[in-house]
Amino acid sequence: MNNRKPISELTGLGPKSQEMLARAGITTVEQLRKLGSIEAYVRTKRVNSAVNLNLLWGLESAITGEHWQDVAKKHRTSLLLALEEREKNV
């Protein structure tokens, strides 16, 4: 996968998610992969009041290639724990 591709070329992230990510300065696949889903979510939430956990599932889905519903089912607990830990360190 070409990491310099724009976020818009990833599956699972619709126009609203792409817009929210862009407002957080995340516009390429490379940036998203480097940050990871947790950090990208935290940064996006800082600048977008409408962000909810569906974005986190979508980000992880875009990075891993798993369907977002599978991410929400299989990785929910680990992602939420990682998010909690990240928010403690802010």
PDB file of N, CA and C in Angstrom:
ATOM      1  N   MET A   1       0.838  -1.182   0.000  1.00  0.00           N
ATOM      2  CA  MET A   1       0.000   0.000   0.000  1.00  0.00           C
ATOM      3  C   MET A   1       0.882   1.243   0.000  1.00  0.00           C
ATOM      4  N   ASN A   2       0.535   2.216  -0.824  1.00  0.00           N
ATOM      5  CA  ASN A   2       1.262   3.466  -0.886  1.00  0.00           C
ATOM      6  C   ASN A   2       0.801   4.362   0.245  1.00  0.00           C
ATOM      7  N   ASN A   3       1.665   4.572   1.211  1.00  0.00           N
ATOM      8  CA  ASN A   3       1.297   5.340   2.399  1.00  0.00           C
ATOM      9  C   ASN A   3       1.135   6.824   2.135  1.00  0.00           C
ATOM     10  N   ARG A   4       1.563   7.314   0.981  1.00  0.00           N
ATOM     11  CA  ARG A   4       1.407   8.737   0.662  1.00  0.00           C
ATOM     12  C   ARG A   4       0.059   9.039   0.018  1.00  0.00           C
ATOM     13  N   LYS A   5      -0.719   8.006  -0.116  1.00  0.00           N
ATOM     14  CA  LYS A   5      -2.055   8.190  -0.668  1.00  0.00           C
ATOM     15  C   LYS A   5      -2.868   9.058   0.284  1.00  0.00           C
ATOM     16  N   PRO A   6      -3.806   9.811  -0.259  1.00  0.00           N
ATOM     17  CA  PRO A   6      -4.691  10.579   0.615  1.00  0.00           C
ATOM     18  C   PRO A   6      -5.618   9.646   1.390  1.00  0.00           C
ATOM     19  N   ILE A   7      -6.027  10.098   2.534  1.00  0.00           N
ATOM     20  CA  ILE A   7      -6.947   9.335   3.384  1.00  0.00           C
ATOM     21  C   ILE A   7      -8.195   8.919   2.596  1.00  0.00           C
ATOM     22  N   SER A   8      -8.610   9.737   1.654  1.00  0.00           N
ATOM     23  CA  SER A   8      -9.835   9.456   0.889  1.00  0.00           C
ATOM     24  C   SER A   8      -9.775   8.140   0.136  1.00  0.00           C
ATOM     25  N   GLU A   9      -8.580   7.602  -0.079  1.00  0.00           N
ATOM     26  CA  GLU A   9      -8.457   6.337  -0.800  1.00  0.00           C
ATOM     27  C   GLU A   9      -8.586   5.113   0.098  1.00  0.00           C
ATOM     28  N   LEU A  10      -8.665   5.331   1.400  1.00  0.00           N
ATOM     29  CA  LEU A  10      -8.867   4.208   2.322  1.00  0.00           C
ATOM     30  C   LEU A  10     -10.340   3.832   2.371  1.00  0.00           C
ATOM     31  N   THR A  11     -10.609   2.555   2.504  1.00  0.00           N
ATOM     32  CA  THR A  11     -11.988   2.133   2.665  1.00  0.00           C
ATOM     33  C   THR A  11     -12.370   2.267   4.136  1.00  0.00           C
ATOM     34  N   GLY A  12     -13.621   2.519   4.377  1.00  0.00           N
ATOM     35  CA  GLY A  12     -14.117   2.569   5.748  1.00  0.00           C
ATOM     36  C   GLY A  12     -14.149   3.949   6.374  1.00  0.00           C
ATOM     37  N   LEU A  13     -13.573   4.940   5.715  1.00  0.00           N
ATOM     38  CA  LEU A  13     -13.624   6.302   6.235  1.00  0.00           C
ATOM     39  C   LEU A  13     -14.372   7.177   5.239  1.00  0.00           C
ATOM     40  N   GLY A  14     -15.569   7.565   5.606  1.00  0.00           N
ATOM     41  CA  GLY A  14     -16.398   8.359   4.720  1.00  0.00           C
ATOM     42  C   GLY A  14     -15.995   9.821   4.696  1.00  0.00           C
ATOM     43  N   PRO A  15     -16.712  10.610   3.919  1.00  0.00           N
ATOM     44  CA  PRO A  15     -16.387  12.036   3.771  1.00  0.00           C
ATOM     45  C   PRO A  15     -16.366  12.810   5.087  1.00  0.00           C
ATOM     46  N   LYS A  16     -17.292  12.534   5.978  1.00  0.00           N
ATOM     47  CA  LYS A  16     -17.319  13.263   7.261  1.00  0.00           C
ATOM     48  C   LYS A  16     -16.090  12.919   8.100  1.00  0.00           C
ATOM     49  N   SER A  17     -15.724  11.653   8.132  1.00  0.00           N
ATOM     50  CA  SER A  17     -14.530  11.236   8.877  1.00  0.00           C
ATOM     51  C   SER A  17     -13.288  11.861   8.263  1.00  0.00           C
ATOM     52  N   GLN A  18     -13.220  11.865   6.947  1.00  0.00           N
ATOM     53  CA  GLN A  18     -12.074  12.455   6.258  1.00  0.00           C
ATOM     54  C   GLN A  18     -11.960  13.945   6.571  1.00  0.00           C
ATOM     55  N   GLU A  19     -13.093  14.618   6.604  1.00  0.00           N
ATOM     56  CA  GLU A  19     -13.107  16.053   6.919  1.00  0.00           C
ATOM     57  C   GLU A  19     -12.631  16.295   8.356  1.00  0.00           C
ATOM     58  N   MET A  20     -13.105  15.485   9.292  1.00  0.00           N
ATOM     59  CA  MET A  20     -12.679  15.634  10.681  1.00  0.00           C
ATOM     60  C   MET A  20     -11.182  15.378  10.825  1.00  0.00           C
ATOM     61  N   LEU A  21     -10.683  14.357  10.148  1.00  0.00           N
ATOM     62  CA  LEU A  21      -9.250  14.059  10.189  1.00  0.00           C
ATOM     63  C   LEU A  21      -8.447  15.213   9.595  1.00  0.00           C
ATOM     64  N   ALA A  22      -8.912  15.765   8.495  1.00  0.00           N
ATOM     65  CA  ALA A  22      -8.211  16.880   7.860  1.00  0.00           C
ATOM     66  C   ALA A  22      -8.143  18.083   8.798  1.00  0.00           C
ATOM     67  N   ARG A  23      -9.213  18.329   9.532  1.00  0.00           N
ATOM     68  CA  ARG A  23      -9.207  19.436  10.503  1.00  0.00           C
ATOM     69  C   ARG A  23      -8.171  19.204  11.596  1.00  0.00           C
ATOM     70  N   ALA A  24      -7.836  17.950  11.828  1.00  0.00           N
ATOM     71  CA  ALA A  24      -6.809  17.602  12.819  1.00  0.00           C
ATOM     72  C   ALA A  24      -5.424  17.517  12.175  1.00  0.00           C
ATOM     73  N   GLY A  25      -5.341  17.800  10.876  1.00  0.00           N
ATOM     74  CA  GLY A  25      -4.060  17.783  10.176  1.00  0.00           C
ATOM     75  C   GLY A  25      -3.631  16.418   9.676  1.00  0.00           C
ATOM     76  N   ILE A  26      -4.559  15.471   9.645  1.00  0.00           N
ATOM     77  CA  ILE A  26      -4.253  14.107   9.195  1.00  0.00           C
ATOM     78  C   ILE A  26      -4.888  13.925   7.821  1.00  0.00           C
ATOM     79  N   THR A  27      -4.041  13.891   6.799  1.00  0.00           N
ATOM     80  CA  THR A  27      -4.563  13.850   5.435  1.00  0.00           C
ATOM     81  C   THR A  27      -4.019  12.704   4.592  1.00  0.00           C
ATOM     82  N   THR A  28      -3.012  11.994   5.092  1.00  0.00           N
ATOM     83  CA  THR A  28      -2.439  10.902   4.298  1.00  0.00           C
ATOM     84  C   THR A  28      -2.468   9.587   5.075  1.00  0.00           C
ATOM     85  N   VAL A  29      -2.413   8.518   4.324  1.00  0.00           N
ATOM     86  CA  VAL A  29      -2.346   7.183   4.914  1.00  0.00           C
ATOM     87  C   VAL A  29      -1.085   7.080   5.776  1.00  0.00           C
ATOM     88  N   GLU A  30       0.002   7.646   5.301  1.00  0.00           N
ATOM     89  CA  GLU A  30       1.271   7.609   6.032  1.00  0.00           C
ATOM     90  C   GLU A  30       1.126   8.251   7.415  1.00  0.00           C
ATOM     91  N   GLN A  31       0.493   9.406   7.470  1.00  0.00           N
ATOM     92  CA  GLN A  31       0.277  10.075   8.756  1.00  0.00           C
ATOM     93  C   GLN A  31      -0.564   9.207   9.679  1.00  0.00           C
ATOM     94  N   LEU A  32      -1.626   8.639   9.150  1.00  0.00           N
ATOM     95  CA  LEU A  32      -2.524   7.819   9.954  1.00  0.00           C
ATOM     96  C   LEU A  32      -1.799   6.599  10.504  1.00  0.00           C
ATOM     97  N   ARG A  33      -1.054   5.921   9.661  1.00  0.00           N
ATOM     98  CA  ARG A  33      -0.318   4.740  10.116  1.00  0.00           C
ATOM     99  C   ARG A  33       0.734   5.103  11.161  1.00  0.00           C
ATOM    100  N   LYS A  34       1.410   6.205  10.969  1.00  0.00           N
ATOM    101  CA  LYS A  34       2.453   6.629  11.910  1.00  0.00           C
ATOM    102  C   LYS A  34       1.849   6.965  13.273  1.00  0.00           C
ATOM    103  N   LEU A  35       0.728   7.658  13.268  1.00  0.00           N
ATOM    104  CA  LEU A  35       0.070   8.036  14.522  1.00  0.00           C
ATOM    105  C   LEU A  35      -0.600   6.851  15.195  1.00  0.00           C
ATOM    106  N   GLY A  36      -1.211   5.983  14.406  1.00  0.00           N
ATOM    107  CA  GLY A  36      -2.016   4.898  14.935  1.00  0.00           C
ATOM    108  C   GLY A  36      -3.421   5.377  15.234  1.00  0.00           C
ATOM    109  N   SER A  37      -4.320   4.449  15.392  1.00  0.00           N
ATOM    110  CA  SER A  37      -5.735   4.809  15.545  1.00  0.00           C
ATOM    111  C   SER A  37      -6.009   5.599  16.822  1.00  0.00           C
ATOM    112  N   ILE A  38      -5.355   5.258  17.919  1.00  0.00           N
ATOM    113  CA  ILE A  38      -5.624   5.940  19.191  1.00  0.00           C
ATOM    114  C   ILE A  38      -5.201   7.404  19.125  1.00  0.00           C
ATOM    115  N   GLU A  39      -3.974   7.656  18.712  1.00  0.00           N
ATOM    116  CA  GLU A  39      -3.477   9.041  18.648  1.00  0.00           C
ATOM    117  C   GLU A  39      -4.251   9.852  17.617  1.00  0.00           C
ATOM    118  N   ALA A  40      -4.565   9.255  16.483  1.00  0.00           N
ATOM    119  CA  ALA A  40      -5.351   9.957  15.464  1.00  0.00           C
ATOM    120  C   ALA A  40      -6.731  10.309  16.014  1.00  0.00           C
ATOM    121  N   TYR A  41      -7.329   9.398  16.749  1.00  0.00           N
ATOM    122  CA  TYR A  41      -8.637   9.649  17.357  1.00  0.00           C
ATOM    123  C   TYR A  41      -8.550  10.798  18.359  1.00  0.00           C
ATOM    124  N   VAL A  42      -7.563  10.765  19.236  1.00  0.00           N
ATOM    125  CA  VAL A  42      -7.414  11.808  20.264  1.00  0.00           C
ATOM    126  C   VAL A  42      -7.222  13.170  19.607  1.00  0.00           C
ATOM    127  N   ARG A  43      -6.358  13.237  18.606  1.00  0.00           N
ATOM    128  CA  ARG A  43      -6.111  14.513  17.926  1.00  0.00           C
ATOM    129  C   ARG A  43      -7.348  15.021  17.207  1.00  0.00           C
ATOM    130  N   THR A  44      -8.084  14.109  16.611  1.00  0.00           N
ATOM    131  CA  THR A  44      -9.294  14.497  15.897  1.00  0.00           C
ATOM    132  C   THR A  44     -10.367  14.963  16.867  1.00  0.00           C
ATOM    133  N   LYS A  45     -10.479  14.291  17.985  1.00  0.00           N
ATOM    134  CA  LYS A  45     -11.482  14.660  18.991  1.00  0.00           C
ATOM    135  C   LYS A  45     -11.199  16.045  19.575  1.00  0.00           C
ATOM    136  N   ARG A  46      -9.931  16.400  19.679  1.00  0.00           N
ATOM    137  CA  ARG A  46      -9.569  17.726  20.201  1.00  0.00           C
ATOM    138  C   ARG A  46     -10.136  18.865  19.363  1.00  0.00           C
ATOM    139  N   VAL A  47     -10.232  18.666  18.060  1.00  0.00           N
ATOM    140  CA  VAL A  47     -10.658  19.748  17.169  1.00  0.00           C
ATOM    141  C   VAL A  47     -12.059  19.550  16.592  1.00  0.00           C
ATOM    142  N   ASN A  48     -12.729  18.465  16.958  1.00  0.00           N
ATOM    143  CA  ASN A  48     -14.061  18.163  16.427  1.00  0.00           C
ATOM    144  C   ASN A  48     -14.961  17.665  17.544  1.00  0.00           C
ATOM    145  N   SER A  49     -15.919  18.461  17.923  1.00  0.00           N
ATOM    146  CA  SER A  49     -16.805  18.066  19.019  1.00  0.00           C
ATOM    147  C   SER A  49     -17.715  16.894  18.658  1.00  0.00           C
ATOM    148  N   ALA A  50     -17.919  16.637  17.381  1.00  0.00           N
ATOM    149  CA  ALA A  50     -18.838  15.581  16.955  1.00  0.00           C
ATOM    150  C   ALA A  50     -18.216  14.188  16.942  1.00  0.00           C
ATOM    151  N   VAL A  51     -16.943  14.073  17.280  1.00  0.00           N
ATOM    152  CA  VAL A  51     -16.261  12.783  17.223  1.00  0.00           C
ATOM    153  C   VAL A  51     -16.827  11.816  18.263  1.00  0.00           C
ATOM    154  N   ASN A  52     -17.069  10.581  17.835  1.00  0.00           N
ATOM    155  CA  ASN A  52     -17.490   9.536  18.773  1.00  0.00           C
ATOM    156  C   ASN A  52     -16.676   8.277  18.498  1.00  0.00           C
ATOM    157  N   LEU A  53     -16.934   7.238  19.250  1.00  0.00           N
ATOM    158  CA  LEU A  53     -16.128   6.019  19.145  1.00  0.00           C
ATOM    159  C   LEU A  53     -16.231   5.328  17.800  1.00  0.00           C
ATOM    160  N   ASN A  54     -17.267   5.612  17.025  1.00  0.00           N
ATOM    161  CA  ASN A  54     -17.347   5.018  15.689  1.00  0.00           C
ATOM    162  C   ASN A  54     -16.142   5.415  14.842  1.00  0.00           C
ATOM    163  N   LEU A  55     -15.621   6.631  15.077  1.00  0.00           N
ATOM    164  CA  LEU A  55     -14.429   7.035  14.342  1.00  0.00           C
ATOM    165  C   LEU A  55     -13.237   6.164  14.730  1.00  0.00           C
ATOM    166  N   LEU A  56     -13.113   5.849  16.004  1.00  0.00           N
ATOM    167  CA  LEU A  56     -12.010   4.996  16.447  1.00  0.00           C
ATOM    168  C   LEU A  56     -12.075   3.638  15.755  1.00  0.00           C
ATOM    169  N   TRP A  57     -13.261   3.063  15.692  1.00  0.00           N
ATOM    170  CA  TRP A  57     -13.413   1.761  15.015  1.00  0.00           C
ATOM    171  C   TRP A  57     -13.045   1.907  13.537  1.00  0.00           C
ATOM    172  N   GLY A  58     -13.478   2.995  12.920  1.00  0.00           N
ATOM    173  CA  GLY A  58     -13.178   3.228  11.513  1.00  0.00           C
ATOM    174  C   GLY A  58     -11.689   3.427  11.255  1.00  0.00           C
ATOM    175  N   LEU A  59     -11.022   4.142  12.148  1.00  0.00           N
ATOM    176  CA  LEU A  59      -9.582   4.361  12.001  1.00  0.00           C
ATOM    177  C   LEU A  59      -8.823   3.042  12.100  1.00  0.00           C
ATOM    178  N   GLU A  60      -9.168   2.253  13.108  1.00  0.00           N
ATOM    179  CA  GLU A  60      -8.501   0.959  13.272  1.00  0.00           C
ATOM    180  C   GLU A  60      -8.792   0.062  12.072  1.00  0.00           C
ATOM    181  N   SER A  61     -10.003   0.121  11.575  1.00  0.00           N
ATOM    182  CA  SER A  61     -10.383  -0.647  10.397  1.00  0.00           C
ATOM    183  C   SER A  61      -9.556  -0.227   9.185  1.00  0.00           C
ATOM    184  N   ALA A  62      -9.407   1.065   8.997  1.00  0.00           N
ATOM    185  CA  ALA A  62      -8.647   1.573   7.855  1.00  0.00           C
ATOM    186  C   ALA A  62      -7.180   1.150   7.932  1.00  0.00           C
ATOM    187  N   ILE A  63      -6.632   1.111   9.144  1.00  0.00           N
ATOM    188  CA  ILE A  63      -5.228   0.741   9.320  1.00  0.00           C
ATOM    189  C   ILE A  63      -5.013  -0.760   9.141  1.00  0.00           C
ATOM    190  N   THR A  64      -5.917  -1.550   9.717  1.00  0.00           N
ATOM    191  CA  THR A  64      -5.714  -3.003   9.721  1.00  0.00           C
ATOM    192  C   THR A  64      -6.341  -3.724   8.535  1.00  0.00           C
ATOM    193  N   GLY A  65      -7.331  -3.097   7.923  1.00  0.00           N
ATOM    194  CA  GLY A  65      -8.035  -3.755   6.831  1.00  0.00           C
ATOM    195  C   GLY A  65      -9.201  -4.614   7.294  1.00  0.00           C
ATOM    196  N   GLU A  66      -9.404  -4.715   8.602  1.00  0.00           N
ATOM    197  CA  GLU A  66     -10.557  -5.453   9.128  1.00  0.00           C
ATOM    198  C   GLU A  66     -11.805  -4.585   8.996  1.00  0.00           C
ATOM    199  N   HIS A  67     -12.946  -5.208   8.830  1.00  0.00           N
ATOM    200  CA  HIS A  67     -14.201  -4.472   8.770  1.00  0.00           C
ATOM    201  C   HIS A  67     -14.414  -3.771  10.108  1.00  0.00           C
ATOM    202  N   TRP A  68     -14.973  -2.552  10.068  1.00  0.00           N
ATOM    203  CA  TRP A  68     -15.111  -1.781  11.303  1.00  0.00           C
ATOM    204  C   TRP A  68     -15.981  -2.495  12.337  1.00  0.00           C
ATOM    205  N   GLN A  69     -16.973  -3.249  11.892  1.00  0.00           N
ATOM    206  CA  GLN A  69     -17.825  -3.967  12.845  1.00  0.00           C
ATOM    207  C   GLN A  69     -17.038  -5.075  13.542  1.00  0.00           C
ATOM    208  N   ASP A  70     -16.129  -5.718  12.815  1.00  0.00           N
ATOM    209  CA  ASP A  70     -15.266  -6.727  13.433  1.00  0.00           C
ATOM    210  C   ASP A  70     -14.313  -6.080  14.426  1.00  0.00           C
ATOM    211  N   VAL A  71     -13.784  -4.929  14.064  1.00  0.00           N
ATOM    212  CA  VAL A  71     -12.914  -4.187  14.990  1.00  0.00           C
ATOM    213  C   VAL A  71     -13.678  -3.870  16.272  1.00  0.00           C
ATOM    214  N   ALA A  72     -14.895  -3.357  16.121  1.00  0.00           N
ATOM    215  CA  ALA A  72     -15.697  -2.986  17.293  1.00  0.00           C
ATOM    216  C   ALA A  72     -15.991  -4.190  18.179  1.00  0.00           C
ATOM    217  N   LYS A  73     -16.180  -5.355  17.586  1.00  0.00           N
ATOM    218  CA  LYS A  73     -16.467  -6.560  18.364  1.00  0.00           C
ATOM    219  C   LYS A  73     -15.213  -7.162  18.983  1.00  0.00           C
ATOM    220  N   LYS A  74     -14.186  -7.348  18.159  1.00  0.00           N
ATOM    221  CA  LYS A  74     -12.995  -8.083  18.590  1.00  0.00           C
ATOM    222  C   LYS A  74     -12.004  -7.250  19.404  1.00  0.00           C
ATOM    223  N   HIS A  75     -11.895  -5.963  19.077  1.00  0.00           N
ATOM    224  CA  HIS A  75     -10.831  -5.150  19.657  1.00  0.00           C
ATOM    225  C   HIS A  75     -11.341  -4.015  20.541  1.00  0.00           C
ATOM    226  N   ARG A  76     -12.631  -3.980  20.781  1.00  0.00           N
ATOM    227  CA  ARG A  76     -13.251  -2.896  21.550  1.00  0.00           C
ATOM    228  C   ARG A  76     -12.553  -2.676  22.890  1.00  0.00           C
ATOM    229  N   THR A  77     -12.410  -3.730  23.668  1.00  0.00           N
ATOM    230  CA  THR A  77     -11.845  -3.595  25.000  1.00  0.00           C
ATOM    231  C   THR A  77     -10.404  -3.106  24.947  1.00  0.00           C
ATOM    232  N   SER A  78      -9.592  -3.697  24.087  1.00  0.00           N
ATOM    233  CA  SER A  78      -8.183  -3.287  24.027  1.00  0.00           C
ATOM    234  C   SER A  78      -8.048  -1.846  23.526  1.00  0.00           C
ATOM    235  N   LEU A  79      -8.872  -1.446  22.574  1.00  0.00           N
ATOM    236  CA  LEU A  79      -8.819  -0.075  22.087  1.00  0.00           C
ATOM    237  C   LEU A  79      -9.269   0.917  23.158  1.00  0.00           C
ATOM    238  N   LEU A  80     -10.333   0.572  23.871  1.00  0.00           N
ATOM    239  CA  LEU A  80     -10.812   1.464  24.928  1.00  0.00           C
ATOM    240  C   LEU A  80      -9.799   1.592  26.061  1.00  0.00           C
ATOM    241  N   LEU A  81      -9.139   0.494  26.407  1.00  0.00           N
ATOM    242  CA  LEU A  81      -8.099   0.559  27.440  1.00  0.00           C
ATOM    243  C   LEU A  81      -6.918   1.406  26.974  1.00  0.00           C
ATOM    244  N   ALA A  82      -6.525   1.249  25.721  1.00  0.00           N
ATOM    245  CA  ALA A  82      -5.428   2.043  25.170  1.00  0.00           C
ATOM    246  C   ALA A  82      -5.805   3.523  25.110  1.00  0.00           C
ATOM    247  N   LEU A  83      -7.051   3.804  24.771  1.00  0.00           N
ATOM    248  CA  LEU A  83      -7.536   5.184  24.732  1.00  0.00           C
ATOM    249  C   LEU A  83      -7.522   5.786  26.144  1.00  0.00           C
ATOM    250  N   GLU A  84      -8.008   5.021  27.103  1.00  0.00           N
ATOM    251  CA  GLU A  84      -8.015   5.497  28.488  1.00  0.00           C
ATOM    252  C   GLU A  84      -6.588   5.809  28.955  1.00  0.00           C
ATOM    253  N   GLU A  85      -5.662   4.925  28.657  1.00  0.00           N
ATOM    254  CA  GLU A  85      -4.262   5.128  29.042  1.00  0.00           C
ATOM    255  C   GLU A  85      -3.691   6.369  28.366  1.00  0.00           C
ATOM    256  N   ARG A  86      -3.990   6.547  27.082  1.00  0.00           N
ATOM    257  CA  ARG A  86      -3.502   7.722  26.338  1.00  0.00           C
ATOM    258  C   ARG A  86      -4.062   9.006  26.920  1.00  0.00           C
ATOM    259  N   GLU A  87      -5.333   9.004  27.276  1.00  0.00           N
ATOM    260  CA  GLU A  87      -5.954  10.219  27.809  1.00  0.00           C
ATOM    261  C   GLU A  87      -5.438  10.546  29.212  1.00  0.00           C
ATOM    262  N   LYS A  88      -4.986   9.564  29.947  1.00  0.00           N
ATOM    263  CA  LYS A  88      -4.371   9.812  31.253  1.00  0.00           C
ATOM    264  C   LYS A  88      -3.061  10.581  31.099  1.00  0.00           C
ATOM    265  N   ASN A  89      -2.384  10.335  29.996  1.00  0.00           N
ATOM    266  CA  ASN A  89      -1.052  10.923  29.777  1.00  0.00           C
ATOM    267  C   ASN A  89      -1.094  12.269  29.062  1.00  0.00           C
ATOM    268  N   VAL A  90      -2.271  12.852  28.948  1.00  0.00           N
ATOM    269  CA  VAL A  90      -2.394  14.156  28.269  1.00  0.00           C
ATOM    270  C   VAL A  90      -2.010  15.262  29.209  1.00  0.00           C
TER     271      VAL A  90
END
